[in-house]
């Protein structure tokens, strides 16, 4: 079980660091060039940067506390945050009829729930 949790934590960290770093590093205009990122039009650029920062910090939090043994309660809390990010994005996906993005999002939600459950 511990090995499975570590694998899932690594997958979550990699996915959310990549996505969050993309939001932090790219301008809103550049993000809008990706058809899957059409939703960014609804948010001001500072909100997108804040979202990217939350994604990166939660991704770090899902691994580092448990790895170091310091403040280990932050690992499941970070997993809950990642799960909430996945969950709250679904209504927007439905509204924009981006049905293909719901399945990967659901997988990330299940993985985050698994880490939260396994590490609490």
PDB file of N, CA and C in Angstrom:
ATOM      1  N   UNK A   1       0.828  -1.192   0.000  1.00  0.00           N
ATOM      2  CA  UNK A   1       0.000   0.000   0.000  1.00  0.00           C
ATOM      3  C   UNK A   1       0.875   1.259   0.000  1.00  0.00           C
ATOM      4  N   UNK A   2       1.936   1.248   0.788  1.00  0.00           N
ATOM      5  CA  UNK A   2       2.826   2.402   0.862  1.00  0.00           C
ATOM      6  C   UNK A   2       3.453   2.703  -0.501  1.00  0.00           C
ATOM      7  N   UNK A   3       3.857   1.654  -1.213  1.00  0.00           N
ATOM      8  CA  UNK A   3       4.459   1.848  -2.537  1.00  0.00           C
ATOM      9  C   UNK A   3       3.434   2.444  -3.500  1.00  0.00           C
ATOM     10  N   UNK A   4       2.217   1.930  -3.461  1.00  0.00           N
ATOM     11  CA  UNK A   4       1.160   2.463  -4.329  1.00  0.00           C
ATOM     12  C   UNK A   4       0.902   3.935  -4.024  1.00  0.00           C
ATOM     13  N   UNK A   5       0.872   4.281  -2.755  1.00  0.00           N
ATOM     14  CA  UNK A   5       0.662   5.680  -2.377  1.00  0.00           C
ATOM     15  C   UNK A   5       1.790   6.569  -2.889  1.00  0.00           C
ATOM     16  N   UNK A   6       3.026   6.093  -2.766  1.00  0.00           N
ATOM     17  CA  UNK A   6       4.156   6.890  -3.252  1.00  0.00           C
ATOM     18  C   UNK A   6       4.082   7.090  -4.758  1.00  0.00           C
ATOM     19  N   UNK A   7       3.707   6.049  -5.477  1.00  0.00           N
ATOM     20  CA  UNK A   7       3.592   6.162  -6.937  1.00  0.00           C
ATOM     21  C   UNK A   7       2.525   7.190  -7.299  1.00  0.00           C
ATOM     22  N   UNK A   8       1.380   7.095  -6.640  1.00  0.00           N
ATOM     23  CA  UNK A   8       0.286   8.028  -6.918  1.00  0.00           C
ATOM     24  C   UNK A   8       0.679   9.451  -6.520  1.00  0.00           C
ATOM     25  N   UNK A   9       1.363   9.605  -5.408  1.00  0.00           N
ATOM     26  CA  UNK A   9       1.832  10.930  -4.996  1.00  0.00           C
ATOM     27  C   UNK A   9       2.767  11.516  -6.053  1.00  0.00           C
ATOM     28  N   UNK A  10       3.652  10.698  -6.597  1.00  0.00           N
ATOM     29  CA  UNK A  10       4.578  11.174  -7.627  1.00  0.00           C
ATOM     30  C   UNK A  10       3.827  11.577  -8.894  1.00  0.00           C
ATOM     31  N   UNK A  11       2.833  10.788  -9.273  1.00  0.00           N
ATOM     32  CA  UNK A  11       2.032  11.115 -10.461  1.00  0.00           C
ATOM     33  C   UNK A  11       1.294  12.437 -10.261  1.00  0.00           C
ATOM     34  N   UNK A  12       0.655  12.587  -9.101  1.00  0.00           N
ATOM     35  CA  UNK A  12      -0.054  13.837  -8.806  1.00  0.00           C
ATOM     36  C   UNK A  12       0.896  15.027  -8.814  1.00  0.00           C
ATOM     37  N   UNK A  13       2.042  14.859  -8.172  1.00  0.00           N
ATOM     38  CA  UNK A  13       3.013  15.957  -8.112  1.00  0.00           C
ATOM     39  C   UNK A  13       3.471  16.342  -9.514  1.00  0.00           C
ATOM     40  N   UNK A  14       3.807  15.360 -10.328  1.00  0.00           N
ATOM     41  CA  UNK A  14       4.272  15.655 -11.685  1.00  0.00           C
ATOM     42  C   UNK A  14       3.192  16.357 -12.502  1.00  0.00           C
ATOM     43  N   UNK A  15       1.974  15.855 -12.425  1.00  0.00           N
ATOM     44  CA  UNK A  15       0.881  16.436 -13.212  1.00  0.00           C
ATOM     45  C   UNK A  15       0.602  17.875 -12.799  1.00  0.00           C
ATOM     46  N   UNK A  16       0.481  18.108 -11.501  1.00  0.00           N
ATOM     47  CA  UNK A  16       0.094  19.443 -11.055  1.00  0.00           C
ATOM     48  C   UNK A  16       1.248  20.439 -11.083  1.00  0.00           C
ATOM     49  N   UNK A  17       2.479  19.971 -10.945  1.00  0.00           N
ATOM     50  CA  UNK A  17       3.607  20.894 -11.119  1.00  0.00           C
ATOM     51  C   UNK A  17       3.660  21.349 -12.575  1.00  0.00           C
ATOM     52  N   UNK A  18       3.460  20.421 -13.500  1.00  0.00           N
ATOM     53  CA  UNK A  18       3.487  20.780 -14.921  1.00  0.00           C
ATOM     54  C   UNK A  18       2.380  21.772 -15.266  1.00  0.00           C
ATOM     55  N   UNK A  19       1.175  21.481 -14.824  1.00  0.00           N
ATOM     56  CA  UNK A  19       0.034  22.345 -15.138  1.00  0.00           C
ATOM     57  C   UNK A  19       0.172  23.699 -14.438  1.00  0.00           C
ATOM     58  N   UNK A  20       0.524  23.670 -13.165  1.00  0.00           N
ATOM     59  CA  UNK A  20       0.656  24.914 -12.411  1.00  0.00           C
ATOM     60  C   UNK A  20       1.792  25.777 -12.920  1.00  0.00           C
ATOM     61  N   UNK A  21       2.916  25.148 -13.235  1.00  0.00           N
ATOM     62  CA  UNK A  21       4.054  25.906 -13.755  1.00  0.00           C
ATOM     63  C   UNK A  21       3.710  26.543 -15.097  1.00  0.00           C
ATOM     64  N   UNK A  22       2.910  25.846 -15.891  1.00  0.00           N
ATOM     65  CA  UNK A  22       2.468  26.419 -17.162  1.00  0.00           C
ATOM     66  C   UNK A  22       1.669  27.692 -16.960  1.00  0.00           C
ATOM     67  N   UNK A  23       0.793  27.677 -15.962  1.00  0.00           N
ATOM     68  CA  UNK A  23      -0.002  28.877 -15.668  1.00  0.00           C
ATOM     69  C   UNK A  23       0.884  30.003 -15.128  1.00  0.00           C
ATOM     70  N   UNK A  24       1.884  29.649 -14.358  1.00  0.00           N
ATOM     71  CA  UNK A  24       2.779  30.666 -13.799  1.00  0.00           C
ATOM     72  C   UNK A  24       3.714  31.255 -14.853  1.00  0.00           C
ATOM     73  N   UNK A  25       4.164  30.425 -15.779  1.00  0.00           N
ATOM     74  CA  UNK A  25       5.190  30.851 -16.728  1.00  0.00           C
ATOM     75  C   UNK A  25       4.630  31.528 -17.977  1.00  0.00           C
ATOM     76  N   UNK A  26       3.372  31.240 -18.316  1.00  0.00           N
ATOM     77  CA  UNK A  26       2.821  31.750 -19.567  1.00  0.00           C
ATOM     78  C   UNK A  26       1.807  32.860 -19.314  1.00  0.00           C
ATOM     79  N   UNK A  27       1.718  33.741 -20.251  1.00  0.00           N
ATOM     80  CA  UNK A  27       0.724  34.815 -20.156  1.00  0.00           C
ATOM     81  C   UNK A  27      -0.664  34.256 -20.458  1.00  0.00           C
ATOM     82  N   UNK A  28      -1.658  35.015 -20.078  1.00  0.00           N
ATOM     83  CA  UNK A  28      -3.038  34.628 -20.365  1.00  0.00           C
ATOM     84  C   UNK A  28      -3.245  34.479 -21.875  1.00  0.00           C
ATOM     85  N   UNK A  29      -2.669  35.377 -22.658  1.00  0.00           N
ATOM     86  CA  UNK A  29      -2.815  35.311 -24.112  1.00  0.00           C
ATOM     87  C   UNK A  29      -2.223  34.030 -24.682  1.00  0.00           C
ATOM     88  N   UNK A  30      -1.092  33.622 -24.153  1.00  0.00           N
ATOM     89  CA  UNK A  30      -0.468  32.386 -24.634  1.00  0.00           C
ATOM     90  C   UNK A  30      -1.292  31.173 -24.208  1.00  0.00           C
ATOM     91  N   UNK A  31      -1.821  31.195 -22.991  1.00  0.00           N
ATOM     92  CA  UNK A  31      -2.670  30.096 -22.530  1.00  0.00           C
ATOM     93  C   UNK A  31      -3.916  29.967 -23.396  1.00  0.00           C
ATOM     94  N   UNK A  32      -4.466  31.083 -23.842  1.00  0.00           N
ATOM     95  CA  UNK A  32      -5.676  31.074 -24.666  1.00  0.00           C
ATOM     96  C   UNK A  32      -5.466  30.423 -26.031  1.00  0.00           C
ATOM     97  N   UNK A  33      -4.227  30.311 -26.478  1.00  0.00           N
ATOM     98  CA  UNK A  33      -3.951  29.673 -27.772  1.00  0.00           C
ATOM     99  C   UNK A  33      -4.234  28.174 -27.743  1.00  0.00           C
ATOM    100  N   UNK A  34      -4.252  27.593 -26.547  1.00  0.00           N
ATOM    101  CA  UNK A  34      -4.572  26.170 -26.391  1.00  0.00           C
ATOM    102  C   UNK A  34      -6.092  26.037 -26.279  1.00  0.00           C
ATOM    103  N   UNK A  35      -6.741  25.305 -27.196  1.00  0.00           N
ATOM    104  CA  UNK A  35      -8.204  25.180 -27.148  1.00  0.00           C
ATOM    105  C   UNK A  35      -8.719  24.582 -25.836  1.00  0.00           C
ATOM    106  N   UNK A  36      -7.926  23.752 -25.190  1.00  0.00           N
ATOM    107  CA  UNK A  36      -8.346  23.157 -23.917  1.00  0.00           C
ATOM    108  C   UNK A  36      -8.286  24.161 -22.771  1.00  0.00           C
ATOM    109  N   UNK A  37      -7.680  25.298 -23.013  1.00  0.00           N
ATOM    110  CA  UNK A  37      -7.535  26.315 -21.967  1.00  0.00           C
ATOM    111  C   UNK A  37      -8.447  27.517 -22.220  1.00  0.00           C
ATOM    112  N   UNK A  38      -9.495  27.331 -22.993  1.00  0.00           N
ATOM    113  CA  UNK A  38     -10.409  28.436 -23.318  1.00  0.00           C
ATOM    114  C   UNK A  38     -11.020  29.058 -22.064  1.00  0.00           C
ATOM    115  N   UNK A  39     -11.104  28.287 -21.009  1.00  0.00           N
ATOM    116  CA  UNK A  39     -11.703  28.772 -19.758  1.00  0.00           C
ATOM    117  C   UNK A  39     -10.935  29.930 -19.140  1.00  0.00           C
ATOM    118  N   UNK A  40      -9.663  30.082 -19.481  1.00  0.00           N
ATOM    119  CA  UNK A  40      -8.878  31.150 -18.855  1.00  0.00           C
ATOM    120  C   UNK A  40      -9.407  32.535 -19.216  1.00  0.00           C
ATOM    121  N   UNK A  41     -10.173  32.617 -20.292  1.00  0.00           N
ATOM    122  CA  UNK A  41     -10.750  33.899 -20.697  1.00  0.00           C
ATOM    123  C   UNK A  41     -11.673  34.472 -19.615  1.00  0.00           C
ATOM    124  N   UNK A  42     -12.236  33.591 -18.789  1.00  0.00           N
ATOM    125  CA  UNK A  42     -13.186  34.003 -17.757  1.00  0.00           C
ATOM    126  C   UNK A  42     -12.521  34.574 -16.499  1.00  0.00           C
ATOM    127  N   UNK A  43     -11.199  34.502 -16.420  1.00  0.00           N
ATOM    128  CA  UNK A  43     -10.499  34.892 -15.201  1.00  0.00           C
ATOM    129  C   UNK A  43      -9.443  35.954 -15.484  1.00  0.00           C
ATOM    130  N   UNK A  44      -9.218  36.855 -14.537  1.00  0.00           N
ATOM    131  CA  UNK A  44      -8.119  37.816 -14.706  1.00  0.00           C
ATOM    132  C   UNK A  44      -6.773  37.106 -14.543  1.00  0.00           C
ATOM    133  N   UNK A  45      -5.766  37.673 -15.150  1.00  0.00           N
ATOM    134  CA  UNK A  45      -4.438  37.050 -15.105  1.00  0.00           C
ATOM    135  C   UNK A  45      -3.930  36.811 -13.685  1.00  0.00           C
ATOM    136  N   UNK A  46      -4.113  37.730 -12.729  1.00  0.00           N
ATOM    137  CA  UNK A  46      -3.653  37.440 -11.364  1.00  0.00           C
ATOM    138  C   UNK A  46      -4.322  36.198 -10.757  1.00  0.00           C
ATOM    139  N   UNK A  47      -5.572  35.964 -11.090  1.00  0.00           N
ATOM    140  CA  UNK A  47      -6.256  34.768 -10.588  1.00  0.00           C
ATOM    141  C   UNK A  47      -5.645  33.510 -11.192  1.00  0.00           C
ATOM    142  N   UNK A  48      -5.264  33.569 -12.460  1.00  0.00           N
ATOM    143  CA  UNK A  48      -4.619  32.421 -13.105  1.00  0.00           C
ATOM    144  C   UNK A  48      -3.260  32.140 -12.469  1.00  0.00           C
ATOM    145  N   UNK A  49      -2.524  33.194 -12.170  1.00  0.00           N
ATOM    146  CA  UNK A  49      -1.221  33.026 -11.510  1.00  0.00           C
ATOM    147  C   UNK A  49      -1.409  32.439 -10.111  1.00  0.00           C
ATOM    148  N   UNK A  50      -2.434  32.904  -9.401  1.00  0.00           N
ATOM    149  CA  UNK A  50      -2.713  32.366  -8.064  1.00  0.00           C
ATOM    150  C   UNK A  50      -3.095  30.894  -8.148  1.00  0.00           C
ATOM    151  N   UNK A  51      -3.909  30.541  -9.132  1.00  0.00           N
ATOM    152  CA  UNK A  51      -4.287  29.141  -9.317  1.00  0.00           C
ATOM    153  C   UNK A  51      -3.060  28.291  -9.618  1.00  0.00           C
ATOM    154  N   UNK A  52      -2.191  28.781 -10.486  1.00  0.00           N
ATOM    155  CA  UNK A  52      -0.958  28.059 -10.794  1.00  0.00           C
ATOM    156  C   UNK A  52      -0.095  27.872  -9.559  1.00  0.00           C
ATOM    157  N   UNK A  53      -0.010  28.899  -8.730  1.00  0.00           N
ATOM    158  CA  UNK A  53       0.778  28.802  -7.496  1.00  0.00           C
ATOM    159  C   UNK A  53       0.178  27.781  -6.543  1.00  0.00           C
ATOM    160  N   UNK A  54      -1.137  27.774  -6.418  1.00  0.00           N
ATOM    161  CA  UNK A  54      -1.795  26.788  -5.546  1.00  0.00           C
ATOM    162  C   UNK A  54      -1.533  25.381  -6.061  1.00  0.00           C
ATOM    163  N   UNK A  55      -1.616  25.189  -7.375  1.00  0.00           N
ATOM    164  CA  UNK A  55      -1.364  23.860  -7.944  1.00  0.00           C
ATOM    165  C   UNK A  55       0.064  23.404  -7.667  1.00  0.00           C
ATOM    166  N   UNK A  56       1.023  24.280  -7.867  1.00  0.00           N
ATOM    167  CA  UNK A  56       2.427  23.914  -7.627  1.00  0.00           C
ATOM    168  C   UNK A  56       2.672  23.644  -6.145  1.00  0.00           C
ATOM    169  N   UNK A  57       2.174  24.509  -5.282  1.00  0.00           N
ATOM    170  CA  UNK A  57       2.389  24.320  -3.842  1.00  0.00           C
ATOM    171  C   UNK A  57       1.715  23.050  -3.327  1.00  0.00           C
ATOM    172  N   UNK A  58       0.509  22.777  -3.791  1.00  0.00           N
ATOM    173  CA  UNK A  58      -0.168  21.547  -3.367  1.00  0.00           C
ATOM    174  C   UNK A  58       0.559  20.319  -3.911  1.00  0.00           C
ATOM    175  N   UNK A  59       1.084  20.414  -5.130  1.00  0.00           N
ATOM    176  CA  UNK A  59       1.842  19.299  -5.699  1.00  0.00           C
ATOM    177  C   UNK A  59       3.095  19.019  -4.877  1.00  0.00           C
ATOM    178  N   UNK A  60       3.766  20.062  -4.455  1.00  0.00           N
ATOM    179  CA  UNK A  60       4.932  19.894  -3.581  1.00  0.00           C
ATOM    180  C   UNK A  60       4.482  19.321  -2.243  1.00  0.00           C
ATOM    181  N   UNK A  61       3.374  19.833  -1.741  1.00  0.00           N
ATOM    182  CA  UNK A  61       2.864  19.387  -0.447  1.00  0.00           C
ATOM    183  C   UNK A  61       2.396  17.955  -0.413  1.00  0.00           C
ATOM    184  N   UNK A  62       2.075  17.406  -1.558  1.00  0.00           N
ATOM    185  CA  UNK A  62       1.611  16.026  -1.584  1.00  0.00           C
ATOM    186  C   UNK A  62       2.786  15.044  -1.450  1.00  0.00           C
ATOM    187  N   UNK A  63       4.005  15.540  -1.613  1.00  0.00           N
ATOM    188  CA  UNK A  63       5.187  14.666  -1.538  1.00  0.00           C
ATOM    189  C   UNK A  63       6.133  15.035  -0.394  1.00  0.00           C
ATOM    190  N   UNK A  64       6.536  16.289  -0.328  1.00  0.00           N
ATOM    191  CA  UNK A  64       7.640  16.699   0.545  1.00  0.00           C
ATOM    192  C   UNK A  64       7.396  16.441   2.034  1.00  0.00           C
ATOM    193  N   UNK A  65       6.243  16.788   2.594  1.00  0.00           N
ATOM    194  CA  UNK A  65       6.078  16.542   4.035  1.00  0.00           C
ATOM    195  C   UNK A  65       6.214  15.061   4.402  1.00  0.00           C
ATOM    196  N   UNK A  66       5.615  14.201   3.604  1.00  0.00           N
ATOM    197  CA  UNK A  66       5.691  12.770   3.922  1.00  0.00           C
ATOM    198  C   UNK A  66       7.106  12.256   3.711  1.00  0.00           C
ATOM    199  N   UNK A  67       7.769  12.771   2.697  1.00  0.00           N
ATOM    200  CA  UNK A  67       9.140  12.355   2.402  1.00  0.00           C
ATOM    201  C   UNK A  67      10.099  12.745   3.518  1.00  0.00           C
ATOM    202  N   UNK A  68       9.923  13.938   4.064  1.00  0.00           N
ATOM    203  CA  UNK A  68      10.835  14.434   5.092  1.00  0.00           C
ATOM    204  C   UNK A  68      10.420  14.047   6.506  1.00  0.00           C
ATOM    205  N   UNK A  69       9.162  13.657   6.667  1.00  0.00           N
ATOM    206  CA  UNK A  69       8.661  13.333   7.997  1.00  0.00           C
ATOM    207  C   UNK A  69       8.342  14.568   8.824  1.00  0.00           C
ATOM    208  N   UNK A  70       8.332  15.730   8.196  1.00  0.00           N
ATOM    209  CA  UNK A  70       8.037  16.992   8.875  1.00  0.00           C
ATOM    210  C   UNK A  70       6.637  17.449   8.467  1.00  0.00           C
ATOM    211  N   UNK A  71       5.792  17.700   9.455  1.00  0.00           N
ATOM    212  CA  UNK A  71       4.417  18.170   9.210  1.00  0.00           C
ATOM    213  C   UNK A  71       3.691  17.261   8.223  1.00  0.00           C
ATOM    214  N   UNK A  72       3.722  15.965   8.504  1.00  0.00           N
ATOM    215  CA  UNK A  72       3.157  14.983   7.575  1.00  0.00           C
ATOM    216  C   UNK A  72       1.660  15.159   7.332  1.00  0.00           C
ATOM    217  N   UNK A  73       0.970  15.827   8.221  1.00  0.00           N
ATOM    218  CA  UNK A  73      -0.459  16.065   8.007  1.00  0.00           C
ATOM    219  C   UNK A  73      -0.694  16.914   6.755  1.00  0.00           C
ATOM    220  N   UNK A  74       0.318  17.652   6.312  1.00  0.00           N
ATOM    221  CA  UNK A  74       0.165  18.481   5.117  1.00  0.00           C
ATOM    222  C   UNK A  74       0.013  17.652   3.843  1.00  0.00           C
ATOM    223  N   UNK A  75       0.521  16.425   3.837  1.00  0.00           N
ATOM    224  CA  UNK A  75       0.401  15.595   2.638  1.00  0.00           C
ATOM    225  C   UNK A  75      -1.055  15.270   2.318  1.00  0.00           C
ATOM    226  N   UNK A  76      -1.833  14.719   3.252  1.00  0.00           N
ATOM    227  CA  UNK A  76      -3.239  14.475   2.909  1.00  0.00           C
ATOM    228  C   UNK A  76      -4.030  15.767   2.708  1.00  0.00           C
ATOM    229  N   UNK A  77      -3.664  16.819   3.415  1.00  0.00           N
ATOM    230  CA  UNK A  77      -4.345  18.105   3.211  1.00  0.00           C
ATOM    231  C   UNK A  77      -4.087  18.601   1.786  1.00  0.00           C
ATOM    232  N   UNK A  78      -2.853  18.488   1.322  1.00  0.00           N
ATOM    233  CA  UNK A  78      -2.526  18.886  -0.052  1.00  0.00           C
ATOM    234  C   UNK A  78      -3.282  18.024  -1.056  1.00  0.00           C
ATOM    235  N   UNK A  79      -3.430  16.736  -0.754  1.00  0.00           N
ATOM    236  CA  UNK A  79      -4.195  15.856  -1.644  1.00  0.00           C
ATOM    237  C   UNK A  79      -5.657  16.290  -1.707  1.00  0.00           C
ATOM    238  N   UNK A  80      -6.209  16.701  -0.580  1.00  0.00           N
ATOM    239  CA  UNK A  80      -7.589  17.206  -0.561  1.00  0.00           C
ATOM    240  C   UNK A  80      -7.689  18.473  -1.415  1.00  0.00           C
ATOM    241  N   UNK A  81      -6.721  19.350  -1.302  1.00  0.00           N
ATOM    242  CA  UNK A  81      -6.718  20.577  -2.110  1.00  0.00           C
ATOM    243  C   UNK A  81      -6.695  20.230  -3.598  1.00  0.00           C
ATOM    244  N   UNK A  82      -5.836  19.289  -3.986  1.00  0.00           N
ATOM    245  CA  UNK A  82      -5.777  18.890  -5.394  1.00  0.00           C
ATOM    246  C   UNK A  82      -7.106  18.283  -5.839  1.00  0.00           C
ATOM    247  N   UNK A  83      -7.703  17.471  -4.980  1.00  0.00           N
ATOM    248  CA  UNK A  83      -9.003  16.893  -5.303  1.00  0.00           C
ATOM    249  C   UNK A  83     -10.074  17.955  -5.475  1.00  0.00           C
ATOM    250  N   UNK A  84     -10.052  18.955  -4.607  1.00  0.00           N
ATOM    251  CA  UNK A  84     -11.027  20.047  -4.720  1.00  0.00           C
ATOM    252  C   UNK A  84     -10.815  20.852  -6.000  1.00  0.00           C
ATOM    253  N   UNK A  85      -9.571  21.039  -6.393  1.00  0.00           N
ATOM    254  CA  UNK A  85      -9.300  21.719  -7.660  1.00  0.00           C
ATOM    255  C   UNK A  85      -9.899  20.935  -8.823  1.00  0.00           C
ATOM    256  N   UNK A  86      -9.742  19.621  -8.791  1.00  0.00           N
ATOM    257  CA  UNK A  86     -10.317  18.777  -9.843  1.00  0.00           C
ATOM    258  C   UNK A  86     -11.839  18.860  -9.832  1.00  0.00           C
ATOM    259  N   UNK A  87     -12.405  18.749  -8.656  1.00  0.00           N
ATOM    260  CA  UNK A  87     -13.860  18.733  -8.516  1.00  0.00           C
ATOM    261  C   UNK A  87     -14.494  20.052  -8.952  1.00  0.00           C
ATOM    262  N   UNK A  88     -13.900  21.142  -8.563  1.00  0.00           N
ATOM    263  CA  UNK A  88     -14.497  22.443  -8.878  1.00  0.00           C
ATOM    264  C   UNK A  88     -14.320  22.845 -10.340  1.00  0.00           C
ATOM    265  N   UNK A  89     -13.464  22.155 -11.064  1.00  0.00           N
ATOM    266  CA  UNK A  89     -13.296  22.492 -12.480  1.00  0.00           C
ATOM    267  C   UNK A  89     -14.339  21.817 -13.376  1.00  0.00           C
ATOM    268  N   UNK A  90     -15.012  20.801 -12.864  1.00  0.00           N
ATOM    269  CA  UNK A  90     -15.969  20.046 -13.684  1.00  0.00           C
ATOM    270  C   UNK A  90     -17.137  20.899 -14.185  1.00  0.00           C
ATOM    271  N   UNK A  91     -17.782  21.719 -13.364  1.00  0.00           N
ATOM    272  CA  UNK A  91     -18.897  22.520 -13.903  1.00  0.00           C
ATOM    273  C   UNK A  91     -18.491  23.386 -15.102  1.00  0.00           C
ATOM    274  N   UNK A  92     -17.318  23.961 -15.053  1.00  0.00           N
ATOM    275  CA  UNK A  92     -16.842  24.757 -16.183  1.00  0.00           C
ATOM    276  C   UNK A  92     -16.621  23.912 -17.423  1.00  0.00           C
ATOM    277  N   UNK A  93     -16.103  22.704 -17.232  1.00  0.00           N
ATOM    278  CA  UNK A  93     -15.911  21.802 -18.364  1.00  0.00           C
ATOM    279  C   UNK A  93     -17.251  21.437 -18.992  1.00  0.00           C
ATOM    280  N   UNK A  94     -18.232  21.187 -18.156  1.00  0.00           N
ATOM    281  CA  UNK A  94     -19.567  20.866 -18.661  1.00  0.00           C
ATOM    282  C   UNK A  94     -20.180  22.064 -19.385  1.00  0.00           C
ATOM    283  N   UNK A  95     -20.032  23.241 -18.825  1.00  0.00           N
ATOM    284  CA  UNK A  95     -20.597  24.448 -19.422  1.00  0.00           C
ATOM    285  C   UNK A  95     -19.993  24.713 -20.806  1.00  0.00           C
ATOM    286  N   UNK A  96     -18.700  24.444 -20.966  1.00  0.00           N
ATOM    287  CA  UNK A  96     -18.031  24.671 -22.244  1.00  0.00           C
ATOM    288  C   UNK A  96     -18.033  23.429 -23.129  1.00  0.00           C
ATOM    289  N   UNK A  97     -18.742  22.400 -22.695  1.00  0.00           N
ATOM    290  CA  UNK A  97     -18.860  21.139 -23.437  1.00  0.00           C
ATOM    291  C   UNK A  97     -17.497  20.524 -23.752  1.00  0.00           C
ATOM    292  N   UNK A  98     -16.586  20.586 -22.804  1.00  0.00           N
ATOM    293  CA  UNK A  98     -15.262  19.972 -22.943  1.00  0.00           C
ATOM    294  C   UNK A  98     -15.295  18.591 -22.282  1.00  0.00           C
ATOM    295  N   UNK A  99     -16.121  17.733 -22.823  1.00  0.00           N
ATOM    296  CA  UNK A  99     -16.361  16.430 -22.205  1.00  0.00           C
ATOM    297  C   UNK A  99     -15.113  15.550 -22.180  1.00  0.00           C
ATOM    298  N   UNK A 100     -14.242  15.706 -23.151  1.00  0.00           N
ATOM    299  CA  UNK A 100     -13.036  14.876 -23.211  1.00  0.00           C
ATOM    300  C   UNK A 100     -12.086  15.153 -22.053  1.00  0.00           C
ATOM    301  N   UNK A 101     -12.175  16.319 -21.446  1.00  0.00           N
ATOM    302  CA  UNK A 101     -11.269  16.648 -20.346  1.00  0.00           C
ATOM    303  C   UNK A 101     -11.795  16.186 -18.990  1.00  0.00           C
ATOM    304  N   UNK A 102     -13.039  15.744 -18.957  1.00  0.00           N
ATOM    305  CA  UNK A 102     -13.618  15.327 -17.675  1.00  0.00           C
ATOM    306  C   UNK A 102     -13.001  14.019 -17.188  1.00  0.00           C
ATOM    307  N   UNK A 103     -12.776  13.059 -18.079  1.00  0.00           N
ATOM    308  CA  UNK A 103     -12.235  11.757 -17.665  1.00  0.00           C
ATOM    309  C   UNK A 103     -10.842  11.880 -17.034  1.00  0.00           C
ATOM    310  N   UNK A 104      -9.880  12.564 -17.676  1.00  0.00           N
ATOM    311  CA  UNK A 104      -8.577  12.702 -17.022  1.00  0.00           C
ATOM    312  C   UNK A 104      -8.678  13.439 -15.685  1.00  0.00           C
ATOM    313  N   UNK A 105      -9.560  14.414 -15.640  1.00  0.00           N
ATOM    314  CA  UNK A 105      -9.780  15.160 -14.408  1.00  0.00           C
ATOM    315  C   UNK A 105     -10.334  14.240 -13.319  1.00  0.00           C
ATOM    316  N   UNK A 106     -11.248  13.365 -13.701  1.00  0.00           N
ATOM    317  CA  UNK A 106     -11.826  12.414 -12.744  1.00  0.00           C
ATOM    318  C   UNK A 106     -10.763  11.447 -12.230  1.00  0.00           C
ATOM    319  N   UNK A 107      -9.860  11.036 -13.102  1.00  0.00           N
ATOM    320  CA  UNK A 107      -8.770  10.144 -12.680  1.00  0.00           C
ATOM    321  C   UNK A 107      -7.898  10.847 -11.644  1.00  0.00           C
ATOM    322  N   UNK A 108      -7.554  12.103 -11.900  1.00  0.00           N
ATOM    323  CA  UNK A 108      -6.753  12.857 -10.928  1.00  0.00           C
ATOM    324  C   UNK A 108      -7.499  13.026  -9.608  1.00  0.00           C
ATOM    325  N   UNK A 109      -8.804  13.219  -9.681  1.00  0.00           N
ATOM    326  CA  UNK A 109      -9.619  13.335  -8.469  1.00  0.00           C
ATOM    327  C   UNK A 109      -9.565  12.045  -7.656  1.00  0.00           C
ATOM    328  N   UNK A 110      -9.703  10.906  -8.320  1.00  0.00           N
ATOM    329  CA  UNK A 110      -9.651   9.613  -7.627  1.00  0.00           C
ATOM    330  C   UNK A 110      -8.264   9.390  -7.024  1.00  0.00           C
ATOM    331  N   UNK A 111      -7.223   9.736  -7.761  1.00  0.00           N
ATOM    332  CA  UNK A 111      -5.861   9.583  -7.234  1.00  0.00           C
ATOM    333  C   UNK A 111      -5.643  10.467  -6.008  1.00  0.00           C
ATOM    334  N   UNK A 112      -6.132  11.694  -6.068  1.00  0.00           N
ATOM    335  CA  UNK A 112      -5.997  12.598  -4.920  1.00  0.00           C
ATOM    336  C   UNK A 112      -6.771  12.065  -3.719  1.00  0.00           C
ATOM    337  N   UNK A 113      -7.959  11.528  -3.966  1.00  0.00           N
ATOM    338  CA  UNK A 113      -8.762  10.959  -2.878  1.00  0.00           C
ATOM    339  C   UNK A 113      -8.051   9.755  -2.262  1.00  0.00           C
ATOM    340  N   UNK A 114      -7.404   8.952  -3.094  1.00  0.00           N
ATOM    341  CA  UNK A 114      -6.663   7.789  -2.605  1.00  0.00           C
ATOM    342  C   UNK A 114      -5.521   8.225  -1.683  1.00  0.00           C
ATOM    343  N   UNK A 115      -4.791   9.246  -2.083  1.00  0.00           N
ATOM    344  CA  UNK A 115      -3.688   9.742  -1.244  1.00  0.00           C
ATOM    345  C   UNK A 115      -4.234  10.336   0.048  1.00  0.00           C
ATOM    346  N   UNK A 116      -5.293  11.114  -0.055  1.00  0.00           N
ATOM    347  CA  UNK A 116      -5.881  11.712   1.154  1.00  0.00           C
ATOM    348  C   UNK A 116      -6.326  10.622   2.119  1.00  0.00           C
ATOM    349  N   UNK A 117      -6.998   9.621   1.602  1.00  0.00           N
ATOM    350  CA  UNK A 117      -7.471   8.510   2.439  1.00  0.00           C
ATOM    351  C   UNK A 117      -6.293   7.720   3.009  1.00  0.00           C
ATOM    352  N   UNK A 118      -5.315   7.414   2.172  1.00  0.00           N
ATOM    353  CA  UNK A 118      -4.197   6.575   2.594  1.00  0.00           C
ATOM    354  C   UNK A 118      -3.228   7.248   3.547  1.00  0.00           C
ATOM    355  N   UNK A 119      -3.154   8.563   3.499  1.00  0.00           N
ATOM    356  CA  UNK A 119      -2.179   9.279   4.329  1.00  0.00           C
ATOM    357  C   UNK A 119      -2.783   9.934   5.566  1.00  0.00           C
ATOM    358  N   UNK A 120      -4.131  10.002   5.665  1.00  0.00           N
ATOM    359  CA  UNK A 120      -4.727  10.549   6.895  1.00  0.00           C
ATOM    360  C   UNK A 120      -4.624   9.547   8.011  1.00  0.00           C
TER     361      UNK A 120
END
